Full PDB file with SEQRES, HELIX, SHEET, SSBOND, CRYST1, ORIGX, SCALE, CONECT and MASTER records, all heavy atoms in Angstrom:
SEQRES   1 A   43  LYS GLU VAL ASN PHE LEU ARG ARG ASP SER GLU ALA GLY          
SEQRES   2 A   43  GLN LYS CYS CYS THR PHE GLN HIS TRP VAL TYR GLU LYS          
SEQRES   3 A   43  THR ASN GLY ASN LEU LEU VAL THR ASP LEU GLN GLY VAL          
SEQRES   4 A   43  GLY MET LYS LEU                                              
HELIX    1 AA1 PHE A    5  ASP A    9  1                                   5    
HELIX    2 AA2 GLU A   11  LYS A   26  1                                  16    
CRYST1    1.000    1.000    1.000  90.00  90.00  90.00 P 1           1          
ORIGX1      1.000000  0.000000  0.000000        0.00000                         
ORIGX2      0.000000  1.000000  0.000000        0.00000                         
ORIGX3      0.000000  0.000000  1.000000        0.00000                         
SCALE1      1.000000  0.000000  0.000000        0.00000                         
SCALE2      0.000000  1.000000  0.000000        0.00000                         
SCALE3      0.000000  0.000000  1.000000        0.00000                         
ATOM      1  N   LYS A   1     248.121 144.100  40.737  1.00  0.00           N  
ATOM      2  CA  LYS A   1     248.738 143.004  39.979  1.00  0.00           C  
ATOM      3  C   LYS A   1     247.684 142.079  39.391  1.00  0.00           C  
ATOM      4  O   LYS A   1     247.907 141.423  38.397  1.00  0.00           O  
ATOM      5  CB  LYS A   1     249.636 142.176  40.907  1.00  0.00           C  
ATOM      6  CG  LYS A   1     250.901 142.884  41.316  1.00  0.00           C  
ATOM      7  CD  LYS A   1     251.735 141.930  42.163  1.00  0.00           C  
ATOM      8  CE  LYS A   1     252.768 142.706  42.961  1.00  0.00           C  
ATOM      9  NZ  LYS A   1     252.952 142.139  44.285  1.00  0.00           N  
ATOM     10  N   GLU A   2     246.558 141.971  40.077  1.00  0.00           N  
ATOM     11  CA  GLU A   2     245.531 141.011  39.664  1.00  0.00           C  
ATOM     12  C   GLU A   2     244.593 141.683  38.662  1.00  0.00           C  
ATOM     13  O   GLU A   2     243.851 142.578  39.000  1.00  0.00           O  
ATOM     14  CB  GLU A   2     244.749 140.591  40.915  1.00  0.00           C  
ATOM     15  CG  GLU A   2     243.712 139.531  40.675  1.00  0.00           C  
ATOM     16  CD  GLU A   2     242.826 139.331  41.901  1.00  0.00           C  
ATOM     17  OE1 GLU A   2     243.273 139.616  43.029  1.00  0.00           O  
ATOM     18  OE2 GLU A   2     241.685 138.912  41.716  1.00  0.00           O  
ATOM     19  N   VAL A   3     244.667 141.269  37.413  1.00  0.00           N  
ATOM     20  CA  VAL A   3     243.792 141.857  36.408  1.00  0.00           C  
ATOM     21  C   VAL A   3     242.721 140.835  36.057  1.00  0.00           C  
ATOM     22  O   VAL A   3     243.014 139.732  35.610  1.00  0.00           O  
ATOM     23  CB  VAL A   3     244.577 142.268  35.132  1.00  0.00           C  
ATOM     24  CG1 VAL A   3     243.621 142.784  34.070  1.00  0.00           C  
ATOM     25  CG2 VAL A   3     245.594 143.340  35.467  1.00  0.00           C  
ATOM     26  N   ASN A   4     241.484 141.186  36.312  1.00  0.00           N  
ATOM     27  CA  ASN A   4     240.389 140.262  36.033  1.00  0.00           C  
ATOM     28  C   ASN A   4     239.600 140.789  34.837  1.00  0.00           C  
ATOM     29  O   ASN A   4     238.917 141.793  34.926  1.00  0.00           O  
ATOM     30  CB  ASN A   4     239.500 140.159  37.274  1.00  0.00           C  
ATOM     31  CG  ASN A   4     238.404 139.141  37.097  1.00  0.00           C  
ATOM     32  OD1 ASN A   4     238.016 138.825  35.972  1.00  0.00           O  
ATOM     33  ND2 ASN A   4     237.904 138.618  38.185  1.00  0.00           N  
ATOM     34  N   PHE A   5     239.713 140.093  33.719  1.00  0.00           N  
ATOM     35  CA  PHE A   5     239.074 140.571  32.494  1.00  0.00           C  
ATOM     36  C   PHE A   5     237.552 140.536  32.584  1.00  0.00           C  
ATOM     37  O   PHE A   5     236.874 141.369  32.018  1.00  0.00           O  
ATOM     38  CB  PHE A   5     239.575 139.782  31.283  1.00  0.00           C  
ATOM     39  CG  PHE A   5     241.032 140.024  31.030  1.00  0.00           C  
ATOM     40  CD1 PHE A   5     241.983 139.052  31.291  1.00  0.00           C  
ATOM     41  CD2 PHE A   5     241.473 141.263  30.579  1.00  0.00           C  
ATOM     42  CE1 PHE A   5     243.333 139.292  31.094  1.00  0.00           C  
ATOM     43  CE2 PHE A   5     242.822 141.524  30.376  1.00  0.00           C  
ATOM     44  CZ  PHE A   5     243.761 140.530  30.631  1.00  0.00           C  
ATOM     45  N   LEU A   6     237.018 139.575  33.332  1.00  0.00           N  
ATOM     46  CA  LEU A   6     235.561 139.504  33.479  1.00  0.00           C  
ATOM     47  C   LEU A   6     235.045 140.722  34.236  1.00  0.00           C  
ATOM     48  O   LEU A   6     233.929 141.152  34.050  1.00  0.00           O  
ATOM     49  CB  LEU A   6     235.157 138.216  34.198  1.00  0.00           C  
ATOM     50  CG  LEU A   6     235.189 136.976  33.309  1.00  0.00           C  
ATOM     51  CD1 LEU A   6     235.086 135.718  34.144  1.00  0.00           C  
ATOM     52  CD2 LEU A   6     234.060 137.001  32.298  1.00  0.00           C  
ATOM     53  N   ARG A   7     235.890 141.262  35.091  1.00  0.00           N  
ATOM     54  CA  ARG A   7     235.504 142.455  35.839  1.00  0.00           C  
ATOM     55  C   ARG A   7     235.436 143.648  34.888  1.00  0.00           C  
ATOM     56  O   ARG A   7     234.538 144.463  34.938  1.00  0.00           O  
ATOM     57  CB  ARG A   7     236.550 142.711  36.918  1.00  0.00           C  
ATOM     58  CG  ARG A   7     236.388 143.990  37.671  1.00  0.00           C  
ATOM     59  CD  ARG A   7     237.510 144.127  38.665  1.00  0.00           C  
ATOM     60  NE  ARG A   7     238.688 144.692  38.042  1.00  0.00           N  
ATOM     61  CZ  ARG A   7     239.067 145.946  38.185  1.00  0.00           C  
ATOM     62  NH1 ARG A   7     238.352 146.761  38.920  1.00  0.00           N  
ATOM     63  NH2 ARG A   7     240.151 146.390  37.619  1.00  0.00           N  
ATOM     64  N   ARG A   8     236.412 143.726  33.993  1.00  0.00           N  
ATOM     65  CA  ARG A   8     236.510 144.881  33.106  1.00  0.00           C  
ATOM     66  C   ARG A   8     235.553 144.775  31.916  1.00  0.00           C  
ATOM     67  O   ARG A   8     234.998 145.763  31.465  1.00  0.00           O  
ATOM     68  CB  ARG A   8     237.954 144.975  32.607  1.00  0.00           C  
ATOM     69  CG  ARG A   8     238.326 146.331  32.081  1.00  0.00           C  
ATOM     70  CD  ARG A   8     239.723 146.292  31.501  1.00  0.00           C  
ATOM     71  NE  ARG A   8     239.817 145.323  30.401  1.00  0.00           N  
ATOM     72  CZ  ARG A   8     240.962 144.909  29.879  1.00  0.00           C  
ATOM     73  NH1 ARG A   8     242.097 145.343  30.366  1.00  0.00           N  
ATOM     74  NH2 ARG A   8     240.974 144.054  28.883  1.00  0.00           N  
ATOM     75  N   ASP A   9     235.382 143.551  31.425  1.00  0.00           N  
ATOM     76  CA  ASP A   9     234.646 143.374  30.170  1.00  0.00           C  
ATOM     77  C   ASP A   9     233.179 142.993  30.338  1.00  0.00           C  
ATOM     78  O   ASP A   9     232.394 143.176  29.425  1.00  0.00           O  
ATOM     79  CB  ASP A   9     235.334 142.317  29.293  1.00  0.00           C  
ATOM     80  CG  ASP A   9     236.776 142.685  28.965  1.00  0.00           C  
ATOM     81  OD1 ASP A   9     237.092 143.888  29.070  1.00  0.00           O  
ATOM     82  OD2 ASP A   9     237.561 141.801  28.624  1.00  0.00           O  
ATOM     83  N   SER A  10     232.813 142.402  31.478  1.00  0.00           N  
ATOM     84  CA  SER A  10     231.424 141.952  31.606  1.00  0.00           C  
ATOM     85  C   SER A  10     230.542 143.082  32.136  1.00  0.00           C  
ATOM     86  O   SER A  10     231.008 143.974  32.843  1.00  0.00           O  
ATOM     87  CB  SER A  10     231.330 140.753  32.542  1.00  0.00           C  
ATOM     88  OG  SER A  10     231.525 141.164  33.879  1.00  0.00           O  
ATOM     89  N   GLU A  11     229.264 142.991  31.818  1.00  0.00           N  
ATOM     90  CA  GLU A  11     228.293 143.992  32.290  1.00  0.00           C  
ATOM     91  C   GLU A  11     228.233 143.990  33.818  1.00  0.00           C  
ATOM     92  O   GLU A  11     228.278 145.034  34.456  1.00  0.00           O  
ATOM     93  CB  GLU A  11     226.918 143.660  31.693  1.00  0.00           C  
ATOM     94  CG  GLU A  11     225.860 144.685  32.035  1.00  0.00           C  
ATOM     95  CD  GLU A  11     224.450 144.241  31.620  1.00  0.00           C  
ATOM     96  OE1 GLU A  11     224.331 143.340  30.772  1.00  0.00           O  
ATOM     97  OE2 GLU A  11     223.495 144.803  32.159  1.00  0.00           O  
ATOM     98  N   ALA A  12     228.175 142.771  34.401  1.00  0.00           N  
ATOM     99  CA  ALA A  12     228.106 142.675  35.869  1.00  0.00           C  
ATOM    100  C   ALA A  12     229.353 143.291  36.494  1.00  0.00           C  
ATOM    101  O   ALA A  12     229.272 144.026  37.480  1.00  0.00           O  
ATOM    102  CB  ALA A  12     227.960 141.217  36.296  1.00  0.00           C  
ATOM    103  N   GLY A  13     230.520 143.002  35.901  1.00  0.00           N  
ATOM    104  CA  GLY A  13     231.780 143.528  36.422  1.00  0.00           C  
ATOM    105  C   GLY A  13     231.815 145.046  36.390  1.00  0.00           C  
ATOM    106  O   GLY A  13     232.213 145.696  37.359  1.00  0.00           O  
ATOM    107  N   GLN A  14     231.384 145.624  35.275  1.00  0.00           N  
ATOM    108  CA  GLN A  14     231.379 147.084  35.151  1.00  0.00           C  
ATOM    109  C   GLN A  14     230.406 147.709  36.140  1.00  0.00           C  
ATOM    110  O   GLN A  14     230.695 148.738  36.759  1.00  0.00           O  
ATOM    111  CB  GLN A  14     231.020 147.495  33.720  1.00  0.00           C  
ATOM    112  CG  GLN A  14     232.146 147.222  32.751  1.00  0.00           C  
ATOM    113  CD  GLN A  14     231.879 147.821  31.380  1.00  0.00           C  
ATOM    114  OE1 GLN A  14     230.966 148.616  31.195  1.00  0.00           O  
ATOM    115  NE2 GLN A  14     232.678 147.442  30.418  1.00  0.00           N  
ATOM    116  N   LYS A  15     229.249 147.079  36.301  1.00  0.00           N  
ATOM    117  CA  LYS A  15     228.245 147.617  37.232  1.00  0.00           C  
ATOM    118  C   LYS A  15     228.708 147.495  38.682  1.00  0.00           C  
ATOM    119  O   LYS A  15     228.327 148.303  39.528  1.00  0.00           O  
ATOM    120  CB  LYS A  15     226.900 146.919  37.016  1.00  0.00           C  
ATOM    121  CG  LYS A  15     226.215 147.408  35.740  1.00  0.00           C  
ATOM    122  CD  LYS A  15     224.943 146.658  35.445  1.00  0.00           C  
ATOM    123  CE  LYS A  15     224.247 147.250  34.218  1.00  0.00           C  
ATOM    124  NZ  LYS A  15     223.028 146.495  33.881  1.00  0.00           N  
ATOM    125  N   CYS A  16     229.535 146.488  38.961  1.00  0.00           N  
ATOM    126  CA  CYS A  16     230.110 146.354  40.310  1.00  0.00           C  
ATOM    127  C   CYS A  16     231.102 147.488  40.561  1.00  0.00           C  
ATOM    128  O   CYS A  16     231.131 148.071  41.641  1.00  0.00           O  
ATOM    129  CB  CYS A  16     230.816 145.008  40.462  1.00  0.00           C  
ATOM    130  SG  CYS A  16     229.691 143.631  40.684  1.00  0.00           S  
ATOM    131  N   CYS A  17     231.916 147.798  39.560  1.00  0.00           N  
ATOM    132  CA  CYS A  17     232.885 148.902  39.698  1.00  0.00           C  
ATOM    133  C   CYS A  17     232.150 150.224  39.897  1.00  0.00           C  
ATOM    134  O   CYS A  17     232.571 151.061  40.702  1.00  0.00           O  
ATOM    135  CB  CYS A  17     233.767 148.991  38.454  1.00  0.00           C  
ATOM    136  SG  CYS A  17     234.896 147.592  38.310  1.00  0.00           S  
ATOM    137  N   THR A  18     231.033 150.396  39.172  1.00  0.00           N  
ATOM    138  CA  THR A  18     230.230 151.612  39.324  1.00  0.00           C  
ATOM    139  C   THR A  18     229.607 151.659  40.718  1.00  0.00           C  
ATOM    140  O   THR A  18     229.551 152.714  41.347  1.00  0.00           O  
ATOM    141  CB  THR A  18     229.133 151.666  38.240  1.00  0.00           C  
ATOM    142  OG1 THR A  18     229.768 151.714  36.971  1.00  0.00           O  
ATOM    143  CG2 THR A  18     228.238 152.887  38.396  1.00  0.00           C  
ATOM    144  N   PHE A  19     229.160 150.497  41.218  1.00  0.00           N  
ATOM    145  CA  PHE A  19     228.596 150.426  42.574  1.00  0.00           C  
ATOM    146  C   PHE A  19     229.640 150.883  43.593  1.00  0.00           C  
ATOM    147  O   PHE A  19     229.351 151.672  44.494  1.00  0.00           O  
ATOM    148  CB  PHE A  19     228.122 148.996  42.869  1.00  0.00           C  
ATOM    149  CG  PHE A  19     227.705 148.755  44.304  1.00  0.00           C  
ATOM    150  CD1 PHE A  19     226.770 149.573  44.923  1.00  0.00           C  
ATOM    151  CD2 PHE A  19     228.241 147.698  45.032  1.00  0.00           C  
ATOM    152  CE1 PHE A  19     226.369 149.357  46.248  1.00  0.00           C  
ATOM    153  CE2 PHE A  19     227.856 147.469  46.349  1.00  0.00           C  
ATOM    154  CZ  PHE A  19     226.927 148.302  46.956  1.00  0.00           C  
ATOM    155  N   GLN A  20     230.895 150.411  43.429  1.00  0.00           N  
ATOM    156  CA  GLN A  20     231.963 150.819  44.342  1.00  0.00           C  
ATOM    157  C   GLN A  20     232.156 152.338  44.299  1.00  0.00           C  
ATOM    158  O   GLN A  20     232.279 152.993  45.332  1.00  0.00           O  
ATOM    159  CB  GLN A  20     233.281 150.133  43.953  1.00  0.00           C  
ATOM    160  CG  GLN A  20     233.302 148.656  44.277  1.00  0.00           C  
ATOM    161  CD  GLN A  20     234.692 148.083  44.019  1.00  0.00           C  
ATOM    162  OE1 GLN A  20     235.154 148.017  42.884  1.00  0.00           O  
ATOM    163  NE2 GLN A  20     235.362 147.674  45.076  1.00  0.00           N  
ATOM    164  N   HIS A  21     232.168 152.887  43.086  1.00  0.00           N  
ATOM    165  CA  HIS A  21     232.361 154.333  42.896  1.00  0.00           C  
ATOM    166  C   HIS A  21     231.198 155.101  43.528  1.00  0.00           C  
ATOM    167  O   HIS A  21     231.391 156.109  44.211  1.00  0.00           O  
ATOM    168  CB  HIS A  21     232.480 154.629  41.394  1.00  0.00           C  
ATOM    169  CG  HIS A  21     232.878 156.039  41.085  1.00  0.00           C  
ATOM    170  ND1 HIS A  21     233.181 156.462  39.808  1.00  0.00           N  
ATOM    171  CD2 HIS A  21     233.003 157.144  41.877  1.00  0.00           C  
ATOM    172  CE1 HIS A  21     233.495 157.755  39.840  1.00  0.00           C  
ATOM    173  NE2 HIS A  21     233.383 158.186  41.081  1.00  0.00           N  
ATOM    174  N   TRP A  22     229.977 154.585  43.332  1.00  0.00           N  
ATOM    175  CA  TRP A  22     228.776 155.231  43.857  1.00  0.00           C  
ATOM    176  C   TRP A  22     228.814 155.302  45.388  1.00  0.00           C  
ATOM    177  O   TRP A  22     228.554 156.338  45.994  1.00  0.00           O  
ATOM    178  CB  TRP A  22     227.543 154.466  43.364  1.00  0.00           C  
ATOM    179  CG  TRP A  22     226.238 155.040  43.798  1.00  0.00           C  
ATOM    180  CD1 TRP A  22     225.510 156.025  43.185  1.00  0.00           C  
ATOM    181  CD2 TRP A  22     225.475 154.662  44.958  1.00  0.00           C  
ATOM    182  NE1 TRP A  22     224.363 156.278  43.891  1.00  0.00           N  
ATOM    183  CE2 TRP A  22     224.310 155.459  44.984  1.00  0.00           C  
ATOM    184  CE3 TRP A  22     225.669 153.723  45.980  1.00  0.00           C  
ATOM    185  CZ2 TRP A  22     223.350 155.339  45.978  1.00  0.00           C  
ATOM    186  CZ3 TRP A  22     224.714 153.615  46.981  1.00  0.00           C  
ATOM    187  CH2 TRP A  22     223.560 154.416  46.977  1.00  0.00           C  
ATOM    188  N   VAL A  23     229.167 154.163  46.031  1.00  0.00           N  
ATOM    189  CA  VAL A  23     229.243 154.120  47.502  1.00  0.00           C  
ATOM    190  C   VAL A  23     230.350 155.060  47.983  1.00  0.00           C  
ATOM    191  O   VAL A  23     230.169 155.804  48.948  1.00  0.00           O  
ATOM    192  CB  VAL A  23     229.502 152.676  48.010  1.00  0.00           C  
ATOM    193  CG1 VAL A  23     229.843 152.669  49.493  1.00  0.00           C  
ATOM    194  CG2 VAL A  23     228.287 151.792  47.753  1.00  0.00           C  
ATOM    195  N   TYR A  24     231.489 155.023  47.284  1.00  0.00           N  
ATOM    196  CA  TYR A  24     232.625 155.876  47.641  1.00  0.00           C  
ATOM    197  C   TYR A  24     232.198 157.350  47.634  1.00  0.00           C  
ATOM    198  O   TYR A  24     232.492 158.093  48.562  1.00  0.00           O  
ATOM    199  CB  TYR A  24     233.772 155.632  46.652  1.00  0.00           C  
ATOM    200  CG  TYR A  24     234.968 156.524  46.851  1.00  0.00           C  
ATOM    201  CD1 TYR A  24     235.969 156.175  47.749  1.00  0.00           C  
ATOM    202  CD2 TYR A  24     235.101 157.718  46.136  1.00  0.00           C  
ATOM    203  CE1 TYR A  24     237.070 156.999  47.935  1.00  0.00           C  
ATOM    204  CE2 TYR A  24     236.195 158.551  46.328  1.00  0.00           C  
ATOM    205  CZ  TYR A  24     237.181 158.185  47.225  1.00  0.00           C  
ATOM    206  OH  TYR A  24     238.262 159.005  47.414  1.00  0.00           O  
ATOM    207  N   GLU A  25     231.477 157.737  46.581  1.00  0.00           N  
ATOM    208  CA  GLU A  25     231.036 159.139  46.469  1.00  0.00           C  
ATOM    209  C   GLU A  25     229.961 159.464  47.518  1.00  0.00           C  
ATOM    210  O   GLU A  25     229.996 160.506  48.146  1.00  0.00           O  
ATOM    211  CB  GLU A  25     230.509 159.414  45.053  1.00  0.00           C  
ATOM    212  CG  GLU A  25     230.446 160.887  44.731  1.00  0.00           C  
ATOM    213  CD  GLU A  25     230.136 161.195  43.266  1.00  0.00           C  
ATOM    214  OE1 GLU A  25     231.024 161.026  42.416  1.00  0.00           O  
ATOM    215  OE2 GLU A  25     228.995 161.607  42.990  1.00  0.00           O  
ATOM    216  N   LYS A  26     228.999 158.557  47.711  1.00  0.00           N  
ATOM    217  CA  LYS A  26     227.898 158.761  48.680  1.00  0.00           C  
ATOM    218  C   LYS A  26     228.428 158.969  50.090  1.00  0.00           C  
ATOM    219  O   LYS A  26     227.821 159.675  50.889  1.00  0.00           O  
ATOM    220  CB  LYS A  26     226.973 157.527  48.694  1.00  0.00           C  
ATOM    221  CG  LYS A  26     225.861 157.588  47.672  1.00  0.00           C  
ATOM    222  CD  LYS A  26     224.631 158.305  48.223  1.00  0.00           C  
ATOM    223  CE  LYS A  26     223.519 158.467  47.235  1.00  0.00           C  
ATOM    224  NZ  LYS A  26     223.487 159.695  46.472  1.00  0.00           N  
ATOM    225  N   THR A  27     229.519 158.261  50.420  1.00  0.00           N  
ATOM    226  CA  THR A  27     230.048 158.320  51.790  1.00  0.00           C  
ATOM    227  C   THR A  27     231.252 159.276  51.877  1.00  0.00           C  
ATOM    228  O   THR A  27     232.025 159.214  52.838  1.00  0.00           O  
ATOM    229  CB  THR A  27     230.464 156.912  52.281  1.00  0.00           C  
ATOM    230  OG1 THR A  27     231.515 156.426  51.426  1.00  0.00           O  
ATOM    231  CG2 THR A  27     229.305 155.937  52.270  1.00  0.00           C  
ATOM    232  N   ASN A  28     231.399 160.122  50.865  1.00  0.00           N  
ATOM    233  CA  ASN A  28     232.515 161.092  50.824  1.00  0.00           C  
ATOM    234  C   ASN A  28     233.885 160.433  50.984  1.00  0.00           C  
ATOM    235  O   ASN A  28     234.762 160.960  51.670  1.00  0.00           O  
ATOM    236  CB  ASN A  28     232.335 162.173  51.903  1.00  0.00           C  
ATOM    237  CG  ASN A  28     231.084 162.983  51.659  1.00  0.00           C  
ATOM    238  OD1 ASN A  28     230.792 163.378  50.535  1.00  0.00           O  
ATOM    239  ND2 ASN A  28     230.306 163.197  52.707  1.00  0.00           N  
ATOM    240  N   GLY A  29     234.036 159.264  50.379  1.00  0.00           N  
ATOM    241  CA  GLY A  29     235.331 158.579  50.404  1.00  0.00           C  
ATOM    242  C   GLY A  29     235.652 157.894  51.714  1.00  0.00           C  
ATOM    243  O   GLY A  29     236.782 157.475  51.951  1.00  0.00           O  
ATOM    244  N   ASN A  30     234.645 157.744  52.591  1.00  0.00           N  
ATOM    245  CA  ASN A  30     234.875 157.121  53.903  1.00  0.00           C  
ATOM    246  C   ASN A  30     234.643 155.619  53.912  1.00  0.00           C  
ATOM    247  O   ASN A  30     235.055 154.928  54.826  1.00  0.00           O  
ATOM    248  CB  ASN A  30     233.948 157.751  54.957  1.00  0.00           C  
ATOM    249  CG  ASN A  30     234.412 159.123  55.361  1.00  0.00           C  
ATOM    250  OD1 ASN A  30     235.417 159.275  56.046  1.00  0.00           O  
ATOM    251  ND2 ASN A  30     233.699 160.146  54.906  1.00  0.00           N  
ATOM    252  N   LEU A  31     233.923 155.115  52.909  1.00  0.00           N  
ATOM    253  CA  LEU A  31     233.555 153.694  52.918  1.00  0.00           C  
ATOM    254  C   LEU A  31     233.605 153.140  51.502  1.00  0.00           C  
ATOM    255  O   LEU A  31     233.264 153.830  50.543  1.00  0.00           O  
ATOM    256  CB  LEU A  31     232.151 153.552  53.511  1.00  0.00           C  
ATOM    257  CG  LEU A  31     231.594 152.137  53.707  1.00  0.00           C  
ATOM    258  CD1 LEU A  31     230.723 152.103  54.962  1.00  0.00           C  
ATOM    259  CD2 LEU A  31     230.763 151.677  52.533  1.00  0.00           C  
ATOM    260  N   LEU A  32     234.055 151.891  51.382  1.00  0.00           N  
ATOM    261  CA  LEU A  32     234.123 151.226  50.082  1.00  0.00           C  
ATOM    262  C   LEU A  32     233.673 149.779  50.244  1.00  0.00           C  
ATOM    263  O   LEU A  32     234.139 149.079  51.148  1.00  0.00           O  
ATOM    264  CB  LEU A  32     235.566 151.256  49.557  1.00  0.00           C  
ATOM    265  CG  LEU A  32     235.783 150.622  48.191  1.00  0.00           C  
ATOM    266  CD1 LEU A  32     235.248 151.506  47.074  1.00  0.00           C  
ATOM    267  CD2 LEU A  32     237.267 150.347  47.943  1.00  0.00           C  
ATOM    268  N   VAL A  33     232.751 149.346  49.388  1.00  0.00           N  
ATOM    269  CA  VAL A  33     232.371 147.930  49.388  1.00  0.00           C  
ATOM    270  C   VAL A  33     233.373 147.245  48.469  1.00  0.00           C  
ATOM    271  O   VAL A  33     233.602 147.672  47.344  1.00  0.00           O  
ATOM    272  CB  VAL A  33     230.931 147.719  48.878  1.00  0.00           C  
ATOM    273  CG1 VAL A  33     230.578 146.235  48.895  1.00  0.00           C  
ATOM    274  CG2 VAL A  33     229.943 148.478  49.753  1.00  0.00           C  
ATOM    275  N   THR A  34     234.024 146.205  48.980  1.00  0.00           N  
ATOM    276  CA  THR A  34     235.084 145.558  48.219  1.00  0.00           C  
ATOM    277  C   THR A  34     234.857 144.050  48.166  1.00  0.00           C  
ATOM    278  O   THR A  34     233.825 143.563  48.627  1.00  0.00           O  
ATOM    279  CB  THR A  34     236.458 145.942  48.813  1.00  0.00           C  
ATOM    280  OG1 THR A  34     237.478 145.352  47.999  1.00  0.00           O  
ATOM    281  CG2 THR A  34     236.612 145.478  50.248  1.00  0.00           C  
ATOM    282  N   ASP A  35     235.797 143.328  47.571  1.00  0.00           N  
ATOM    283  CA  ASP A  35     235.647 141.870  47.418  1.00  0.00           C  
ATOM    284  C   ASP A  35     234.307 141.507  46.783  1.00  0.00           C  
ATOM    285  O   ASP A  35     233.636 140.576  47.229  1.00  0.00           O  
ATOM    286  CB  ASP A  35     235.757 141.173  48.787  1.00  0.00           C  
ATOM    287  CG  ASP A  35     237.208 140.881  49.143  1.00  0.00           C  
ATOM    288  OD1 ASP A  35     238.083 141.291  48.368  1.00  0.00           O  
ATOM    289  OD2 ASP A  35     237.455 140.246  50.172  1.00  0.00           O  
ATOM    290  N   LEU A  36     233.892 142.253  45.767  1.00  0.00           N  
ATOM    291  CA  LEU A  36     232.620 141.943  45.108  1.00  0.00           C  
ATOM    292  C   LEU A  36     232.798 140.690  44.270  1.00  0.00           C  
ATOM    293  O   LEU A  36     233.664 140.631  43.400  1.00  0.00           O  
ATOM    294  CB  LEU A  36     232.180 143.125  44.234  1.00  0.00           C  
ATOM    295  CG  LEU A  36     231.836 144.400  45.006  1.00  0.00           C  
ATOM    296  CD1 LEU A  36     231.636 145.560  44.058  1.00  0.00           C  
ATOM    297  CD2 LEU A  36     230.609 144.211  45.859  1.00  0.00           C  
ATOM    298  N   GLN A  37     232.003 139.667  44.574  1.00  0.00           N  
ATOM    299  CA  GLN A  37     232.148 138.384  43.894  1.00  0.00           C  
ATOM    300  C   GLN A  37     230.824 137.645  43.918  1.00  0.00           C  
ATOM    301  O   GLN A  37     230.003 137.870  44.802  1.00  0.00           O  
ATOM    302  CB  GLN A  37     233.238 137.563  44.583  1.00  0.00           C  
ATOM    303  CG  GLN A  37     233.032 137.401  46.087  1.00  0.00           C  
ATOM    304  CD  GLN A  37     234.292 136.952  46.786  1.00  0.00           C  
ATOM    305  OE1 GLN A  37     235.028 136.132  46.272  1.00  0.00           O  
ATOM    306  NE2 GLN A  37     234.545 137.471  47.974  1.00  0.00           N  
ATOM    307  N   GLY A  38     230.636 136.788  42.940  1.00  0.00           N  
ATOM    308  CA  GLY A  38     229.396 136.032  42.898  1.00  0.00           C  
ATOM    309  C   GLY A  38     229.148 135.437  41.538  1.00  0.00           C  
ATOM    310  O   GLY A  38     230.058 135.268  40.731  1.00  0.00           O  
ATOM    311  N   VAL A  39     227.883 135.106  41.288  1.00  0.00           N  
ATOM    312  CA  VAL A  39     227.472 134.506  40.022  1.00  0.00           C  
ATOM    313  C   VAL A  39     226.564 135.501  39.320  1.00  0.00           C  
ATOM    314  O   VAL A  39     225.514 135.860  39.839  1.00  0.00           O  
ATOM    315  CB  VAL A  39     226.744 133.162  40.255  1.00  0.00           C  
ATOM    316  CG1 VAL A  39     226.238 132.588  38.944  1.00  0.00           C  
ATOM    317  CG2 VAL A  39     227.673 132.164  40.954  1.00  0.00           C  
ATOM    318  N   GLY A  40     226.994 135.961  38.154  1.00  0.00           N  
ATOM    319  CA  GLY A  40     226.212 136.962  37.423  1.00  0.00           C  
ATOM    320  C   GLY A  40     226.033 138.206  38.271  1.00  0.00           C  
ATOM    321  O   GLY A  40     226.989 138.764  38.788  1.00  0.00           O  
ATOM    322  N   MET A  41     224.769 138.612  38.430  1.00  0.00           N  
ATOM    323  CA  MET A  41     224.478 139.842  39.192  1.00  0.00           C  
ATOM    324  C   MET A  41     224.232 139.568  40.680  1.00  0.00           C  
ATOM    325  O   MET A  41     223.896 140.468  41.429  1.00  0.00           O  
ATOM    326  CB  MET A  41     223.248 140.544  38.603  1.00  0.00           C  
ATOM    327  CG  MET A  41     223.428 141.015  37.185  1.00  0.00           C  
ATOM    328  SD  MET A  41     224.186 142.647  37.098  1.00  0.00           S  
ATOM    329  CE  MET A  41     224.194 142.879  35.325  1.00  0.00           C  
ATOM    330  N   LYS A  42     224.351 138.291  41.100  1.00  0.00           N  
ATOM    331  CA  LYS A  42     224.121 137.975  42.522  1.00  0.00           C  
ATOM    332  C   LYS A  42     225.462 137.856  43.232  1.00  0.00           C  
ATOM    333  O   LYS A  42     226.290 137.022  42.876  1.00  0.00           O  
ATOM    334  CB  LYS A  42     223.327 136.667  42.657  1.00  0.00           C  
ATOM    335  CG  LYS A  42     221.882 136.834  42.235  1.00  0.00           C  
ATOM    336  CD  LYS A  42     221.013 135.720  42.766  1.00  0.00           C  
ATOM    337  CE  LYS A  42     219.543 136.109  42.654  1.00  0.00           C  
ATOM    338  NZ  LYS A  42     218.692 135.211  43.420  1.00  0.00           N  
ATOM    339  N   LEU A  43     225.650 138.697  44.228  1.00  0.00           N  
ATOM    340  CA  LEU A  43     226.940 138.783  44.908  1.00  0.00           C  
ATOM    341  C   LEU A  43     226.870 138.294  46.341  1.00  0.00           C  
ATOM    342  O   LEU A  43     225.847 138.401  46.991  1.00  0.00           O  
ATOM    343  CB  LEU A  43     227.423 140.241  44.904  1.00  0.00           C  
ATOM    344  CG  LEU A  43     227.362 140.993  43.577  1.00  0.00           C  
ATOM    345  CD1 LEU A  43     227.723 142.445  43.779  1.00  0.00           C  
ATOM    346  CD2 LEU A  43     228.282 140.349  42.549  1.00  0.00           C  
TER     347      LEU A  43                                                      
MASTER        0    0    0    2    0    0    0    6  346    1    0    4          
END                                                                             
């Protein structure tokens, strides 16, 4: 329900989504880093 445009449209937001995907794949779907939040690229 919560759509965050800064997540979808910003470079930091897209790279955070990729980070989540990367961790998910690295851990074979066993672990996910979530609640990614912060200022710019610092979380």
